Amino acid sequence: MLPKKIFAAVDWRARARSVEVLYFAWVRDRVGTAREHVNPPDAVTTVGELALWLATQSKEHAEAFRDCDVLRAAVNQEHVSFAHPIATGDEIAFFPPMTGG
């Protein structure tokens, strides 16, 4: 997990690009929507930074992203780490760990 103090000095108002965020399972339930288009600031360059920024957007987002260590992510339908870079037009999905059989 990235240290939150890094983001204390970031001006989240400077927004320039758009990404589509998808939420699955209990993440969707907590956020209250299955997908949304967001415009994170240029300072948000990774999936982890996006998660931390999303947590600042509403109390519902804060609840969903309270513990990012239990979340998984995908960018453009490929599983990635939270250190993975994001770019304009990306589709970023957040979901809980899955089990299979």
N, C-alpha and C. Protein backbone atom coordinates (compact mmCIF):
# COMPACT_ATOMS: atom_id res chain seq x y z
N MET A 1 0.85 -1.18 0.00
CA MET A 1 0.00 0.00 0.00
C MET A 1 0.89 1.24 0.00
N LEU A 2 0.46 2.25 -0.67
CA LEU A 2 1.23 3.48 -0.76
C LEU A 2 0.97 4.35 0.46
N PRO A 3 1.99 5.03 0.97
CA PRO A 3 1.78 5.89 2.13
C PRO A 3 0.87 7.06 1.78
N LYS A 4 -0.15 7.27 2.60
CA LYS A 4 -1.11 8.34 2.34
C LYS A 4 -0.50 9.73 2.49
N LYS A 5 0.55 9.86 3.28
CA LYS A 5 1.13 11.19 3.49
C LYS A 5 1.71 11.77 2.20
N ILE A 6 2.07 10.92 1.24
CA ILE A 6 2.58 11.40 -0.03
C ILE A 6 1.54 12.28 -0.72
N PHE A 7 0.27 11.96 -0.53
CA PHE A 7 -0.80 12.63 -1.24
C PHE A 7 -1.33 13.87 -0.53
N ALA A 8 -0.83 14.16 0.64
CA ALA A 8 -1.33 15.30 1.41
C ALA A 8 -1.11 16.62 0.68
N ALA A 9 -0.01 16.74 -0.06
CA ALA A 9 0.32 18.00 -0.72
C ALA A 9 -0.17 18.06 -2.17
N VAL A 10 -0.80 17.02 -2.65
CA VAL A 10 -1.25 17.00 -4.04
C VAL A 10 -2.53 17.81 -4.20
N ASP A 11 -2.56 18.63 -5.24
CA ASP A 11 -3.77 19.39 -5.55
C ASP A 11 -4.65 18.52 -6.43
N TRP A 12 -5.66 17.89 -5.83
CA TRP A 12 -6.53 16.96 -6.54
C TRP A 12 -7.46 17.69 -7.52
N ARG A 13 -7.49 19.01 -7.52
CA ARG A 13 -8.40 19.74 -8.40
C ARG A 13 -7.91 19.81 -9.84
N ALA A 14 -6.63 19.65 -10.07
CA ALA A 14 -6.08 19.75 -11.42
C ALA A 14 -6.35 18.44 -12.17
N ARG A 15 -7.48 18.38 -12.87
CA ARG A 15 -7.90 17.15 -13.54
C ARG A 15 -7.82 17.31 -15.04
N ALA A 16 -7.21 16.32 -15.70
CA ALA A 16 -7.02 16.48 -17.12
C ALA A 16 -7.44 15.28 -17.97
N ARG A 17 -7.53 14.10 -17.39
CA ARG A 17 -7.80 12.93 -18.24
C ARG A 17 -8.96 12.12 -17.71
N SER A 18 -9.48 11.27 -18.56
CA SER A 18 -10.65 10.48 -18.22
C SER A 18 -10.32 8.99 -18.29
N VAL A 19 -10.79 8.25 -17.29
CA VAL A 19 -10.69 6.79 -17.29
C VAL A 19 -12.04 6.24 -16.87
N GLU A 20 -12.31 5.01 -17.26
CA GLU A 20 -13.54 4.35 -16.85
C GLU A 20 -13.20 3.39 -15.72
N VAL A 21 -13.95 3.48 -14.64
CA VAL A 21 -13.71 2.61 -13.48
C VAL A 21 -14.90 1.68 -13.33
N LEU A 22 -14.60 0.39 -13.21
CA LEU A 22 -15.62 -0.63 -12.99
C LEU A 22 -15.47 -1.19 -11.59
N TYR A 23 -16.60 -1.47 -10.95
CA TYR A 23 -16.61 -2.02 -9.60
C TYR A 23 -17.39 -3.33 -9.61
N PHE A 24 -16.87 -4.33 -8.90
CA PHE A 24 -17.52 -5.63 -8.85
C PHE A 24 -17.76 -6.09 -7.41
N ALA A 25 -18.79 -6.92 -7.25
CA ALA A 25 -19.13 -7.57 -5.97
C ALA A 25 -19.36 -6.52 -4.88
N TRP A 26 -18.77 -6.72 -3.69
CA TRP A 26 -19.05 -5.80 -2.59
C TRP A 26 -18.46 -4.41 -2.82
N VAL A 27 -17.47 -4.29 -3.70
CA VAL A 27 -16.94 -2.96 -4.02
C VAL A 27 -18.04 -2.15 -4.71
N ARG A 28 -18.73 -2.77 -5.66
CA ARG A 28 -19.85 -2.13 -6.36
C ARG A 28 -20.95 -1.77 -5.36
N ASP A 29 -21.26 -2.69 -4.45
CA ASP A 29 -22.31 -2.43 -3.46
C ASP A 29 -21.97 -1.23 -2.58
N ARG A 30 -20.72 -1.12 -2.18
CA ARG A 30 -20.33 0.00 -1.30
C ARG A 30 -20.26 1.33 -2.04
N VAL A 31 -19.76 1.32 -3.27
CA VAL A 31 -19.68 2.56 -4.05
C VAL A 31 -21.07 2.99 -4.51
N GLY A 32 -21.92 2.01 -4.83
CA GLY A 32 -23.28 2.32 -5.24
C GLY A 32 -23.49 2.39 -6.74
N THR A 33 -22.49 2.00 -7.51
CA THR A 33 -22.61 1.96 -8.96
C THR A 33 -21.66 0.90 -9.51
N ALA A 34 -21.96 0.40 -10.69
CA ALA A 34 -21.11 -0.61 -11.31
C ALA A 34 -19.97 -0.01 -12.13
N ARG A 35 -20.17 1.24 -12.59
CA ARG A 35 -19.13 1.88 -13.39
C ARG A 35 -19.30 3.39 -13.34
N GLU A 36 -18.19 4.07 -13.56
CA GLU A 36 -18.23 5.53 -13.66
C GLU A 36 -17.02 6.01 -14.43
N HIS A 37 -17.19 7.13 -15.11
CA HIS A 37 -16.09 7.81 -15.77
C HIS A 37 -15.58 8.86 -14.80
N VAL A 38 -14.28 8.87 -14.57
CA VAL A 38 -13.68 9.84 -13.65
C VAL A 38 -12.53 10.54 -14.34
N ASN A 39 -12.20 11.70 -13.81
CA ASN A 39 -11.11 12.52 -14.34
C ASN A 39 -10.10 12.77 -13.23
N PRO A 40 -9.23 11.78 -12.97
CA PRO A 40 -8.25 11.99 -11.90
C PRO A 40 -7.21 13.03 -12.30
N PRO A 41 -6.62 13.68 -11.32
CA PRO A 41 -5.58 14.66 -11.63
C PRO A 41 -4.33 13.99 -12.21
N ASP A 42 -3.51 14.77 -12.85
CA ASP A 42 -2.28 14.25 -13.46
C ASP A 42 -1.36 13.56 -12.45
N ALA A 43 -1.45 13.96 -11.18
CA ALA A 43 -0.60 13.36 -10.14
C ALA A 43 -0.95 11.90 -9.89
N VAL A 44 -2.11 11.47 -10.32
CA VAL A 44 -2.54 10.08 -10.15
C VAL A 44 -2.06 9.31 -11.37
N THR A 45 -1.03 8.49 -11.18
CA THR A 45 -0.41 7.81 -12.32
C THR A 45 -0.44 6.29 -12.24
N THR A 46 -0.88 5.73 -11.09
CA THR A 46 -0.92 4.28 -10.93
C THR A 46 -2.30 3.84 -10.42
N VAL A 47 -2.56 2.56 -10.50
CA VAL A 47 -3.81 2.01 -9.98
C VAL A 47 -3.94 2.31 -8.49
N GLY A 48 -2.88 2.17 -7.73
CA GLY A 48 -2.92 2.45 -6.29
C GLY A 48 -3.22 3.90 -5.99
N GLU A 49 -2.63 4.80 -6.74
CA GLU A 49 -2.92 6.22 -6.55
C GLU A 49 -4.35 6.53 -6.93
N LEU A 50 -4.86 5.85 -7.96
CA LEU A 50 -6.27 6.04 -8.34
C LEU A 50 -7.17 5.58 -7.20
N ALA A 51 -6.87 4.44 -6.60
CA ALA A 51 -7.68 3.95 -5.48
C ALA A 51 -7.69 4.95 -4.33
N LEU A 52 -6.53 5.50 -4.00
CA LEU A 52 -6.46 6.49 -2.92
C LEU A 52 -7.24 7.75 -3.28
N TRP A 53 -7.15 8.18 -4.53
CA TRP A 53 -7.89 9.36 -4.97
C TRP A 53 -9.39 9.09 -4.95
N LEU A 54 -9.80 7.92 -5.43
CA LEU A 54 -11.22 7.58 -5.41
C LEU A 54 -11.77 7.61 -3.99
N ALA A 55 -10.97 7.18 -3.03
CA ALA A 55 -11.41 7.17 -1.62
C ALA A 55 -11.72 8.56 -1.11
N THR A 56 -11.22 9.59 -1.78
CA THR A 56 -11.49 10.97 -1.35
C THR A 56 -12.75 11.55 -2.00
N GLN A 57 -13.38 10.80 -2.90
CA GLN A 57 -14.47 11.35 -3.69
C GLN A 57 -15.83 11.33 -3.00
N SER A 58 -16.05 10.39 -2.08
CA SER A 58 -17.32 10.33 -1.35
C SER A 58 -17.15 9.40 -0.17
N LYS A 59 -18.10 9.44 0.74
CA LYS A 59 -18.03 8.53 1.89
C LYS A 59 -18.20 7.09 1.44
N GLU A 60 -18.98 6.87 0.35
CA GLU A 60 -19.15 5.52 -0.18
C GLU A 60 -17.84 4.99 -0.76
N HIS A 61 -17.15 5.83 -1.51
CA HIS A 61 -15.85 5.43 -2.04
C HIS A 61 -14.86 5.18 -0.90
N ALA A 62 -14.89 6.04 0.10
CA ALA A 62 -13.98 5.87 1.24
C ALA A 62 -14.20 4.51 1.90
N GLU A 63 -15.45 4.11 2.03
CA GLU A 63 -15.76 2.80 2.62
C GLU A 63 -15.25 1.67 1.73
N ALA A 64 -15.47 1.77 0.44
CA ALA A 64 -15.05 0.72 -0.49
C ALA A 64 -13.53 0.57 -0.55
N PHE A 65 -12.81 1.68 -0.43
CA PHE A 65 -11.36 1.66 -0.55
C PHE A 65 -10.65 1.80 0.79
N ARG A 66 -11.35 1.52 1.85
CA ARG A 66 -10.78 1.64 3.20
C ARG A 66 -9.54 0.76 3.37
N ASP A 67 -9.56 -0.43 2.83
CA ASP A 67 -8.43 -1.35 2.96
C ASP A 67 -8.08 -1.90 1.58
N CYS A 68 -7.24 -1.20 0.87
CA CYS A 68 -6.88 -1.60 -0.50
C CYS A 68 -6.12 -2.92 -0.55
N ASP A 69 -5.58 -3.35 0.58
CA ASP A 69 -4.84 -4.61 0.59
C ASP A 69 -5.74 -5.81 0.27
N VAL A 70 -7.06 -5.67 0.43
CA VAL A 70 -7.97 -6.78 0.14
C VAL A 70 -8.58 -6.67 -1.26
N LEU A 71 -8.18 -5.67 -2.01
CA LEU A 71 -8.72 -5.47 -3.35
C LEU A 71 -7.76 -6.00 -4.41
N ARG A 72 -8.32 -6.33 -5.55
CA ARG A 72 -7.56 -6.69 -6.73
C ARG A 72 -7.95 -5.70 -7.82
N ALA A 73 -7.11 -5.62 -8.86
CA ALA A 73 -7.38 -4.66 -9.93
C ALA A 73 -7.03 -5.25 -11.29
N ALA A 74 -7.67 -4.68 -12.30
CA ALA A 74 -7.35 -5.02 -13.69
C ALA A 74 -7.35 -3.72 -14.49
N VAL A 75 -6.47 -3.63 -15.45
CA VAL A 75 -6.44 -2.52 -16.39
C VAL A 75 -6.64 -3.10 -17.78
N ASN A 76 -7.66 -2.61 -18.44
CA ASN A 76 -8.00 -3.09 -19.79
C ASN A 76 -8.12 -4.62 -19.81
N GLN A 77 -8.78 -5.15 -18.77
CA GLN A 77 -9.12 -6.56 -18.62
C GLN A 77 -7.93 -7.47 -18.38
N GLU A 78 -6.83 -6.92 -17.87
CA GLU A 78 -5.67 -7.72 -17.48
C GLU A 78 -5.37 -7.46 -16.01
N HIS A 79 -5.24 -8.52 -15.22
CA HIS A 79 -4.93 -8.37 -13.81
C HIS A 79 -3.58 -7.67 -13.66
N VAL A 80 -3.54 -6.69 -12.75
CA VAL A 80 -2.32 -5.91 -12.55
C VAL A 80 -2.13 -5.64 -11.06
N SER A 81 -0.93 -5.21 -10.71
CA SER A 81 -0.66 -4.77 -9.34
C SER A 81 -1.10 -3.32 -9.18
N PHE A 82 -1.14 -2.87 -7.96
CA PHE A 82 -1.52 -1.48 -7.70
C PHE A 82 -0.42 -0.51 -8.13
N ALA A 83 0.75 -1.00 -8.48
CA ALA A 83 1.83 -0.15 -8.99
C ALA A 83 1.74 0.05 -10.50
N HIS A 84 0.80 -0.61 -11.14
CA HIS A 84 0.66 -0.52 -12.60
C HIS A 84 0.25 0.89 -13.02
N PRO A 85 0.86 1.42 -14.08
CA PRO A 85 0.50 2.77 -14.54
C PRO A 85 -0.88 2.80 -15.21
N ILE A 86 -1.50 3.96 -15.15
CA ILE A 86 -2.77 4.17 -15.83
C ILE A 86 -2.60 5.29 -16.84
N ALA A 87 -3.47 5.27 -17.85
CA ALA A 87 -3.40 6.28 -18.92
C ALA A 87 -4.81 6.68 -19.32
N THR A 88 -4.91 7.80 -19.99
CA THR A 88 -6.19 8.27 -20.50
C THR A 88 -6.85 7.17 -21.32
N GLY A 89 -8.14 6.97 -21.08
CA GLY A 89 -8.89 5.98 -21.82
C GLY A 89 -8.86 4.58 -21.26
N ASP A 90 -8.05 4.34 -20.24
CA ASP A 90 -7.99 3.01 -19.64
C ASP A 90 -9.30 2.64 -18.97
N GLU A 91 -9.55 1.34 -18.93
CA GLU A 91 -10.66 0.78 -18.16
C GLU A 91 -10.02 0.09 -16.95
N ILE A 92 -10.32 0.60 -15.76
CA ILE A 92 -9.74 0.06 -14.53
C ILE A 92 -10.83 -0.57 -13.70
N ALA A 93 -10.64 -1.83 -13.34
CA ALA A 93 -11.64 -2.55 -12.54
C ALA A 93 -11.09 -2.85 -11.16
N PHE A 94 -11.95 -2.73 -10.16
CA PHE A 94 -11.61 -3.08 -8.79
C PHE A 94 -12.57 -4.17 -8.33
N PHE A 95 -12.03 -5.19 -7.66
CA PHE A 95 -12.84 -6.32 -7.23
C PHE A 95 -12.16 -7.02 -6.06
N PRO A 96 -12.94 -7.78 -5.29
CA PRO A 96 -12.34 -8.53 -4.19
C PRO A 96 -11.62 -9.77 -4.74
N PRO A 97 -10.77 -10.38 -3.92
CA PRO A 97 -10.12 -11.63 -4.35
C PRO A 97 -11.17 -12.66 -4.73
N MET A 98 -10.84 -13.49 -5.69
CA MET A 98 -11.78 -14.52 -6.16
C MET A 98 -11.21 -15.89 -5.84
N THR A 99 -12.12 -16.81 -5.65
CA THR A 99 -11.71 -18.20 -5.53
C THR A 99 -12.35 -18.94 -6.69
N GLY A 100 -11.73 -19.98 -7.09
CA GLY A 100 -12.27 -20.72 -8.22
C GLY A 100 -12.21 -22.21 -7.97
N GLY A 101 -12.76 -22.90 -8.89
CA GLY A 101 -12.74 -24.34 -8.72
C GLY A 101 -12.67 -25.05 -10.04
